[in-house]
């Protein structure tokens, strides 16, 4: 696990283990607070990043603990951006339908709301995949309207 600072650009590299989700949350929380974001916004960002990384661990790496997850955080006075990169199996987020939340609740389902939550909690969510090479999720939050 490496953390390095270069101006306001910060990077964290971890293995794809669920135990590392707390390390990721702490890293994101620290950087979001450094950016001056209010705690409610910090918690929303942490949840969105947690969902993205959980999906990477479960789906891209099929729970293999040897995969790599790289987080890059960049921010200025207008925007806080987290870029998450993995080298696991590619996936097409547009193939996932919007959830029927009433049905989801009635049926007491667990899981499956990650993409919906990321899009609800963040101002922008972009997914890029180069099959056989890497996947990238870009999550950003506008700072001025936090």
N, C-alpha and C. Protein backbone atom coordinates (compact mmCIF):
# COMPACT_ATOMS: atom_id res chain seq x y z
N UNK A 1 0.86 -1.17 0.00
CA UNK A 1 0.00 0.00 0.00
C UNK A 1 0.90 1.23 0.00
N UNK A 2 0.66 2.11 -0.95
CA UNK A 2 1.49 3.31 -1.10
C UNK A 2 0.61 4.54 -1.11
N UNK A 3 1.02 5.56 -0.40
CA UNK A 3 0.35 6.85 -0.49
C UNK A 3 1.42 7.86 -0.85
N UNK A 4 1.18 8.64 -1.89
CA UNK A 4 2.15 9.67 -2.22
C UNK A 4 1.42 10.96 -2.54
N UNK A 5 2.06 12.05 -2.22
CA UNK A 5 1.47 13.36 -2.48
C UNK A 5 2.30 14.10 -3.51
N UNK A 6 1.61 14.77 -4.39
CA UNK A 6 2.27 15.62 -5.37
C UNK A 6 1.29 16.76 -5.61
N UNK A 7 1.57 17.91 -5.04
CA UNK A 7 0.62 19.03 -5.02
C UNK A 7 -0.67 18.52 -4.39
N UNK A 8 -1.79 18.65 -5.12
CA UNK A 8 -3.06 18.18 -4.56
C UNK A 8 -3.47 16.84 -5.16
N UNK A 9 -2.53 16.15 -5.82
CA UNK A 9 -2.81 14.84 -6.40
C UNK A 9 -2.32 13.78 -5.43
N UNK A 10 -3.18 12.85 -5.13
CA UNK A 10 -2.84 11.82 -4.16
C UNK A 10 -3.22 10.46 -4.71
N UNK A 11 -2.41 9.46 -4.39
CA UNK A 11 -2.64 8.12 -4.91
C UNK A 11 -2.58 7.08 -3.79
N UNK A 12 -3.45 6.08 -3.91
CA UNK A 12 -3.46 4.94 -3.00
C UNK A 12 -3.53 3.69 -3.85
N UNK A 13 -2.69 2.71 -3.55
CA UNK A 13 -2.70 1.42 -4.24
C UNK A 13 -2.92 0.33 -3.20
N UNK A 14 -3.94 -0.49 -3.44
CA UNK A 14 -4.24 -1.58 -2.51
C UNK A 14 -4.59 -2.85 -3.30
N UNK A 15 -4.50 -3.97 -2.62
CA UNK A 15 -4.95 -5.25 -3.19
C UNK A 15 -6.47 -5.31 -3.08
N UNK A 16 -7.08 -6.14 -3.91
CA UNK A 16 -8.54 -6.23 -3.96
C UNK A 16 -9.09 -7.14 -2.86
N UNK A 17 -8.89 -6.72 -1.62
CA UNK A 17 -9.38 -7.45 -0.45
C UNK A 17 -10.42 -6.58 0.25
N UNK A 18 -11.49 -7.19 0.73
CA UNK A 18 -12.52 -6.40 1.42
C UNK A 18 -11.95 -5.71 2.66
N UNK A 19 -10.91 -6.28 3.27
CA UNK A 19 -10.30 -5.64 4.44
C UNK A 19 -9.73 -4.27 4.08
N UNK A 20 -9.39 -4.06 2.81
CA UNK A 20 -8.82 -2.78 2.39
C UNK A 20 -9.87 -1.69 2.17
N UNK A 21 -11.16 -2.05 2.24
CA UNK A 21 -12.20 -1.04 2.07
C UNK A 21 -12.10 0.04 3.16
N UNK A 22 -11.73 -0.35 4.38
CA UNK A 22 -11.60 0.65 5.46
C UNK A 22 -10.41 1.57 5.19
N UNK A 23 -9.33 1.04 4.62
CA UNK A 23 -8.17 1.85 4.26
C UNK A 23 -8.58 2.87 3.19
N UNK A 24 -9.35 2.39 2.21
CA UNK A 24 -9.83 3.26 1.13
C UNK A 24 -10.74 4.35 1.69
N UNK A 25 -11.68 3.98 2.56
CA UNK A 25 -12.59 4.96 3.17
C UNK A 25 -11.81 6.02 3.94
N UNK A 26 -10.82 5.60 4.74
CA UNK A 26 -10.01 6.55 5.51
C UNK A 26 -9.25 7.51 4.59
N UNK A 27 -8.68 6.97 3.53
CA UNK A 27 -7.93 7.77 2.56
C UNK A 27 -8.84 8.82 1.92
N UNK A 28 -9.99 8.39 1.44
CA UNK A 28 -10.93 9.30 0.77
C UNK A 28 -11.45 10.35 1.75
N UNK A 29 -11.78 9.93 2.95
CA UNK A 29 -12.28 10.84 3.97
C UNK A 29 -11.26 11.93 4.28
N UNK A 30 -10.01 11.52 4.48
CA UNK A 30 -8.95 12.48 4.81
C UNK A 30 -8.79 13.51 3.69
N UNK A 31 -8.77 13.05 2.44
CA UNK A 31 -8.56 13.97 1.32
C UNK A 31 -9.78 14.88 1.11
N UNK A 32 -10.98 14.35 1.30
CA UNK A 32 -12.19 15.17 1.14
C UNK A 32 -12.27 16.24 2.22
N UNK A 33 -11.88 15.89 3.44
CA UNK A 33 -11.84 16.88 4.52
C UNK A 33 -10.76 17.92 4.25
N UNK A 34 -9.60 17.49 3.72
CA UNK A 34 -8.54 18.43 3.33
C UNK A 34 -9.05 19.43 2.29
N UNK A 35 -9.96 18.95 1.42
CA UNK A 35 -10.52 19.81 0.36
C UNK A 35 -11.55 20.79 0.91
N UNK A 36 -11.90 20.63 2.20
CA UNK A 36 -12.84 21.56 2.83
C UNK A 36 -14.30 21.19 2.66
N UNK A 37 -14.56 19.94 2.28
CA UNK A 37 -15.95 19.51 2.09
C UNK A 37 -16.64 19.27 3.43
N UNK A 38 -17.94 19.57 3.52
CA UNK A 38 -18.68 19.30 4.76
C UNK A 38 -18.81 17.79 4.99
N UNK A 39 -18.96 17.40 6.24
CA UNK A 39 -18.99 15.99 6.62
C UNK A 39 -20.06 15.19 5.88
N UNK A 40 -21.23 15.75 5.67
CA UNK A 40 -22.29 15.02 4.96
C UNK A 40 -21.85 14.68 3.54
N UNK A 41 -21.18 15.61 2.89
CA UNK A 41 -20.68 15.38 1.53
C UNK A 41 -19.55 14.35 1.55
N UNK A 42 -18.67 14.45 2.54
CA UNK A 42 -17.57 13.49 2.69
C UNK A 42 -18.14 12.07 2.83
N UNK A 43 -19.18 11.92 3.65
CA UNK A 43 -19.79 10.60 3.86
C UNK A 43 -20.41 10.07 2.57
N UNK A 44 -21.04 10.94 1.78
CA UNK A 44 -21.61 10.52 0.50
C UNK A 44 -20.52 10.06 -0.47
N UNK A 45 -19.43 10.79 -0.52
CA UNK A 45 -18.31 10.42 -1.39
C UNK A 45 -17.73 9.08 -0.94
N UNK A 46 -17.54 8.91 0.37
CA UNK A 46 -17.01 7.65 0.89
C UNK A 46 -17.90 6.48 0.50
N UNK A 47 -19.23 6.66 0.60
CA UNK A 47 -20.16 5.59 0.25
C UNK A 47 -20.07 5.26 -1.24
N UNK A 48 -20.00 6.28 -2.09
CA UNK A 48 -19.91 6.05 -3.54
C UNK A 48 -18.62 5.30 -3.88
N UNK A 49 -17.50 5.71 -3.29
CA UNK A 49 -16.22 5.05 -3.54
C UNK A 49 -16.24 3.62 -3.00
N UNK A 50 -16.84 3.43 -1.83
CA UNK A 50 -16.96 2.10 -1.23
C UNK A 50 -17.75 1.18 -2.16
N UNK A 51 -18.84 1.68 -2.73
CA UNK A 51 -19.65 0.88 -3.65
C UNK A 51 -18.85 0.52 -4.90
N UNK A 52 -18.12 1.49 -5.45
CA UNK A 52 -17.32 1.24 -6.65
C UNK A 52 -16.25 0.17 -6.37
N UNK A 53 -15.56 0.30 -5.25
CA UNK A 53 -14.49 -0.64 -4.92
C UNK A 53 -15.03 -2.02 -4.57
N UNK A 54 -16.18 -2.07 -3.92
CA UNK A 54 -16.81 -3.36 -3.62
C UNK A 54 -17.18 -4.07 -4.93
N UNK A 55 -17.71 -3.31 -5.89
CA UNK A 55 -18.04 -3.90 -7.20
C UNK A 55 -16.78 -4.43 -7.89
N UNK A 56 -15.69 -3.69 -7.79
CA UNK A 56 -14.43 -4.14 -8.39
C UNK A 56 -13.98 -5.45 -7.76
N UNK A 57 -14.01 -5.51 -6.44
CA UNK A 57 -13.58 -6.72 -5.73
C UNK A 57 -14.46 -7.91 -6.11
N UNK A 58 -15.78 -7.72 -6.05
CA UNK A 58 -16.71 -8.83 -6.30
C UNK A 58 -16.80 -9.24 -7.77
N UNK A 59 -16.88 -8.24 -8.66
CA UNK A 59 -17.18 -8.54 -10.06
C UNK A 59 -15.95 -8.53 -10.97
N UNK A 60 -15.13 -7.49 -10.89
CA UNK A 60 -13.97 -7.41 -11.78
C UNK A 60 -12.94 -8.48 -11.43
N UNK A 61 -12.73 -8.68 -10.13
CA UNK A 61 -11.73 -9.64 -9.68
C UNK A 61 -12.33 -10.93 -9.13
N UNK A 62 -13.64 -11.08 -9.17
CA UNK A 62 -14.31 -12.29 -8.66
C UNK A 62 -13.79 -12.69 -7.29
N UNK A 63 -13.62 -11.68 -6.41
CA UNK A 63 -13.18 -11.84 -5.02
C UNK A 63 -11.75 -12.37 -4.87
N UNK A 64 -10.95 -12.34 -5.95
CA UNK A 64 -9.54 -12.71 -5.83
C UNK A 64 -8.80 -11.59 -5.10
N UNK A 65 -8.05 -11.93 -4.04
CA UNK A 65 -7.37 -10.90 -3.25
C UNK A 65 -6.11 -10.35 -3.91
N UNK A 66 -5.75 -10.87 -5.08
CA UNK A 66 -4.49 -10.47 -5.71
C UNK A 66 -4.65 -9.34 -6.73
N UNK A 67 -5.87 -8.89 -6.99
CA UNK A 67 -6.07 -7.80 -7.94
C UNK A 67 -5.58 -6.49 -7.36
N UNK A 68 -5.34 -5.53 -8.26
CA UNK A 68 -4.89 -4.20 -7.82
C UNK A 68 -6.01 -3.19 -8.01
N UNK A 69 -6.15 -2.32 -7.01
CA UNK A 69 -7.06 -1.18 -7.10
C UNK A 69 -6.22 0.07 -6.85
N UNK A 70 -6.31 1.01 -7.78
CA UNK A 70 -5.56 2.25 -7.67
C UNK A 70 -6.54 3.41 -7.59
N UNK A 71 -6.41 4.23 -6.57
CA UNK A 71 -7.24 5.42 -6.42
C UNK A 71 -6.36 6.65 -6.57
N UNK A 72 -6.81 7.57 -7.39
CA UNK A 72 -6.16 8.88 -7.53
C UNK A 72 -7.19 9.93 -7.16
N UNK A 73 -6.79 10.85 -6.30
CA UNK A 73 -7.69 11.93 -5.89
C UNK A 73 -7.07 13.24 -6.31
N UNK A 74 -7.89 14.06 -6.93
CA UNK A 74 -7.45 15.38 -7.36
C UNK A 74 -8.57 16.36 -7.02
N UNK A 75 -8.20 17.53 -6.57
CA UNK A 75 -9.22 18.53 -6.28
C UNK A 75 -8.66 19.93 -6.40
N UNK A 76 -9.57 20.82 -6.65
CA UNK A 76 -9.25 22.25 -6.62
C UNK A 76 -10.43 22.92 -5.95
N UNK A 77 -10.57 24.23 -6.09
CA UNK A 77 -11.66 24.91 -5.39
C UNK A 77 -13.04 24.60 -5.98
N UNK A 78 -13.09 24.00 -7.17
CA UNK A 78 -14.38 23.74 -7.82
C UNK A 78 -14.84 22.29 -7.80
N UNK A 79 -13.89 21.35 -7.83
CA UNK A 79 -14.27 19.95 -8.01
C UNK A 79 -13.35 19.00 -7.25
N UNK A 80 -13.96 17.94 -6.71
CA UNK A 80 -13.24 16.87 -6.02
C UNK A 80 -13.44 15.61 -6.87
N UNK A 81 -12.36 15.02 -7.36
CA UNK A 81 -12.46 13.89 -8.29
C UNK A 81 -11.67 12.69 -7.79
N UNK A 82 -12.30 11.53 -7.84
CA UNK A 82 -11.66 10.27 -7.49
C UNK A 82 -11.65 9.42 -8.76
N UNK A 83 -10.47 8.96 -9.15
CA UNK A 83 -10.34 8.05 -10.27
C UNK A 83 -9.94 6.70 -9.69
N UNK A 84 -10.70 5.67 -10.04
CA UNK A 84 -10.44 4.32 -9.53
C UNK A 84 -10.13 3.43 -10.73
N UNK A 85 -8.97 2.78 -10.67
CA UNK A 85 -8.53 1.93 -11.78
C UNK A 85 -8.36 0.50 -11.28
N UNK A 86 -8.80 -0.45 -12.11
CA UNK A 86 -8.56 -1.86 -11.83
C UNK A 86 -8.19 -2.54 -13.15
N UNK A 87 -7.68 -3.76 -13.02
CA UNK A 87 -7.24 -4.53 -14.20
C UNK A 87 -8.03 -5.83 -14.32
N UNK A 88 -9.24 -5.83 -13.76
CA UNK A 88 -10.07 -7.03 -13.77
C UNK A 88 -10.97 -7.09 -15.00
N UNK A 89 -12.00 -7.93 -14.87
CA UNK A 89 -12.95 -8.14 -15.95
C UNK A 89 -13.73 -6.86 -16.24
N UNK A 90 -13.90 -6.57 -17.53
CA UNK A 90 -14.64 -5.38 -17.94
C UNK A 90 -16.13 -5.56 -17.72
N UNK A 91 -16.82 -4.43 -17.73
CA UNK A 91 -18.25 -4.46 -17.46
C UNK A 91 -18.89 -3.23 -18.10
N UNK A 92 -20.12 -3.37 -18.55
CA UNK A 92 -20.82 -2.27 -19.21
C UNK A 92 -21.91 -1.75 -18.28
N UNK A 93 -21.68 -0.61 -17.60
CA UNK A 93 -22.64 -0.11 -16.62
C UNK A 93 -24.00 0.26 -17.21
N UNK A 94 -24.03 0.61 -18.49
CA UNK A 94 -25.31 0.97 -19.10
C UNK A 94 -26.22 -0.25 -19.30
N UNK A 95 -25.65 -1.46 -19.13
CA UNK A 95 -26.46 -2.67 -19.26
C UNK A 95 -27.23 -2.96 -17.96
N UNK A 96 -26.93 -2.23 -16.91
CA UNK A 96 -27.60 -2.43 -15.63
C UNK A 96 -28.83 -1.52 -15.57
N UNK A 97 -30.04 -2.10 -15.48
CA UNK A 97 -31.23 -1.26 -15.44
C UNK A 97 -31.36 -0.51 -14.12
N UNK A 98 -32.07 0.61 -14.16
CA UNK A 98 -32.36 1.33 -12.92
C UNK A 98 -33.18 0.43 -12.01
N UNK A 99 -32.89 0.41 -10.72
CA UNK A 99 -33.64 -0.47 -9.82
C UNK A 99 -35.05 0.06 -9.54
N UNK A 100 -35.97 -0.87 -9.32
CA UNK A 100 -37.30 -0.53 -8.84
C UNK A 100 -37.18 -0.57 -7.31
N UNK A 101 -37.03 0.60 -6.70
CA UNK A 101 -36.73 0.64 -5.27
C UNK A 101 -37.85 0.10 -4.40
N UNK A 102 -39.10 0.31 -4.79
CA UNK A 102 -40.21 -0.24 -3.99
C UNK A 102 -40.17 -1.77 -4.00
N UNK A 103 -39.96 -2.36 -5.19
CA UNK A 103 -39.88 -3.82 -5.31
C UNK A 103 -38.65 -4.33 -4.55
N UNK A 104 -37.55 -3.62 -4.69
CA UNK A 104 -36.31 -3.98 -4.01
C UNK A 104 -36.55 -4.05 -2.49
N UNK A 105 -37.21 -3.02 -1.96
CA UNK A 105 -37.50 -2.95 -0.53
C UNK A 105 -38.48 -4.05 -0.11
N UNK A 106 -39.56 -4.22 -0.87
CA UNK A 106 -40.56 -5.25 -0.55
C UNK A 106 -39.96 -6.64 -0.50
N UNK A 107 -39.02 -6.91 -1.41
CA UNK A 107 -38.43 -8.24 -1.50
C UNK A 107 -37.21 -8.40 -0.58
N UNK A 108 -36.91 -7.38 0.21
CA UNK A 108 -35.78 -7.41 1.17
C UNK A 108 -34.47 -7.82 0.50
N UNK A 109 -34.23 -7.29 -0.68
CA UNK A 109 -32.99 -7.63 -1.40
C UNK A 109 -31.80 -6.98 -0.71
N UNK A 110 -30.63 -7.58 -0.94
CA UNK A 110 -29.39 -7.07 -0.40
C UNK A 110 -28.41 -6.94 -1.57
N UNK A 111 -27.76 -5.78 -1.68
CA UNK A 111 -26.81 -5.58 -2.75
C UNK A 111 -27.50 -5.18 -4.05
N UNK A 112 -26.70 -4.86 -5.04
CA UNK A 112 -27.22 -4.54 -6.35
C UNK A 112 -27.57 -3.08 -6.59
N UNK A 113 -27.31 -2.21 -5.63
CA UNK A 113 -27.64 -0.78 -5.79
C UNK A 113 -26.41 0.10 -5.99
N UNK A 114 -25.25 -0.51 -6.18
CA UNK A 114 -24.00 0.24 -6.24
C UNK A 114 -23.98 1.34 -7.28
N UNK A 115 -24.32 1.01 -8.52
CA UNK A 115 -24.27 2.02 -9.59
C UNK A 115 -25.32 3.10 -9.33
N UNK A 116 -26.50 2.69 -8.91
CA UNK A 116 -27.57 3.65 -8.60
C UNK A 116 -27.10 4.62 -7.50
N UNK A 117 -26.49 4.08 -6.45
CA UNK A 117 -26.00 4.93 -5.35
C UNK A 117 -24.89 5.87 -5.82
N UNK A 118 -23.95 5.34 -6.61
CA UNK A 118 -22.87 6.20 -7.10
C UNK A 118 -23.43 7.38 -7.90
N UNK A 119 -24.38 7.09 -8.78
CA UNK A 119 -24.96 8.16 -9.61
C UNK A 119 -25.80 9.13 -8.78
N UNK A 120 -26.42 8.62 -7.71
CA UNK A 120 -27.24 9.47 -6.85
C UNK A 120 -26.40 10.37 -5.95
N UNK A 121 -25.26 9.86 -5.49
CA UNK A 121 -24.45 10.57 -4.51
C UNK A 121 -23.42 11.52 -5.12
N UNK A 122 -23.03 11.26 -6.36
CA UNK A 122 -21.99 12.06 -7.00
C UNK A 122 -22.59 12.94 -8.09
N UNK A 123 -21.88 14.00 -8.46
CA UNK A 123 -22.35 14.88 -9.53
C UNK A 123 -22.05 14.31 -10.91
N UNK A 124 -21.00 13.50 -11.01
CA UNK A 124 -20.64 12.91 -12.30
C UNK A 124 -20.01 11.54 -12.06
N UNK A 125 -20.43 10.56 -12.86
CA UNK A 125 -19.87 9.21 -12.81
C UNK A 125 -19.57 8.80 -14.24
N UNK A 126 -18.29 8.49 -14.51
CA UNK A 126 -17.91 8.05 -15.86
C UNK A 126 -17.16 6.74 -15.74
N UNK A 127 -17.51 5.80 -16.63
CA UNK A 127 -16.87 4.50 -16.64
C UNK A 127 -16.19 4.31 -17.99
N UNK A 128 -14.92 3.95 -17.96
CA UNK A 128 -14.16 3.68 -19.17
C UNK A 128 -13.57 2.29 -19.05
N UNK A 129 -13.67 1.51 -20.12
CA UNK A 129 -13.09 0.18 -20.10
C UNK A 129 -12.31 -0.06 -21.38
N UNK A 130 -11.12 -0.58 -21.23
CA UNK A 130 -10.33 -1.05 -22.35
C UNK A 130 -10.15 -2.54 -22.08
N UNK A 131 -11.06 -3.39 -22.64
CA UNK A 131 -11.05 -4.83 -22.35
C UNK A 131 -9.65 -5.44 -22.50
N UNK A 132 -9.29 -6.23 -21.50
CA UNK A 132 -7.98 -6.87 -21.48
C UNK A 132 -6.88 -5.97 -20.95
N UNK A 133 -7.18 -4.69 -20.70
CA UNK A 133 -6.16 -3.77 -20.20
C UNK A 133 -6.53 -3.20 -18.84
N UNK A 134 -7.57 -2.35 -18.79
CA UNK A 134 -7.95 -1.75 -17.52
C UNK A 134 -9.39 -1.23 -17.57
N UNK A 135 -9.91 -0.94 -16.40
CA UNK A 135 -11.21 -0.29 -16.22
C UNK A 135 -10.96 0.94 -15.36
N UNK A 136 -11.75 1.97 -15.60
CA UNK A 136 -11.59 3.20 -14.82
C UNK A 136 -12.96 3.78 -14.50
N UNK A 137 -13.16 4.10 -13.24
CA UNK A 137 -14.36 4.80 -12.80
C UNK A 137 -13.93 6.18 -12.32
N UNK A 138 -14.58 7.19 -12.84
CA UNK A 138 -14.29 8.56 -12.45
C UNK A 138 -15.51 9.09 -11.70
N UNK A 139 -15.33 9.43 -10.44
CA UNK A 139 -16.40 9.97 -9.60
C UNK A 139 -16.04 11.40 -9.24
N UNK A 140 -16.94 12.35 -9.51
CA UNK A 140 -16.62 13.71 -9.12
C UNK A 140 -17.78 14.41 -8.42
N UNK A 141 -17.40 15.32 -7.57
CA UNK A 141 -18.35 16.11 -6.77
C UNK A 141 -17.96 17.56 -6.91
N UNK A 142 -18.94 18.39 -7.27
CA UNK A 142 -18.69 19.81 -7.35
C UNK A 142 -18.58 20.37 -5.94
N UNK A 143 -17.57 21.17 -5.71
CA UNK A 143 -17.32 21.71 -4.37
C UNK A 143 -18.17 22.97 -4.11
N UNK A 144 -18.29 23.81 -5.09
CA UNK A 144 -18.99 25.08 -4.86
C UNK A 144 -20.42 24.90 -4.37
N UNK A 145 -21.10 23.83 -4.77
CA UNK A 145 -22.49 23.64 -4.37
C UNK A 145 -22.68 22.52 -3.38
N UNK A 146 -21.64 22.20 -2.61
CA UNK A 146 -21.75 21.11 -1.65
C UNK A 146 -22.80 21.42 -0.64
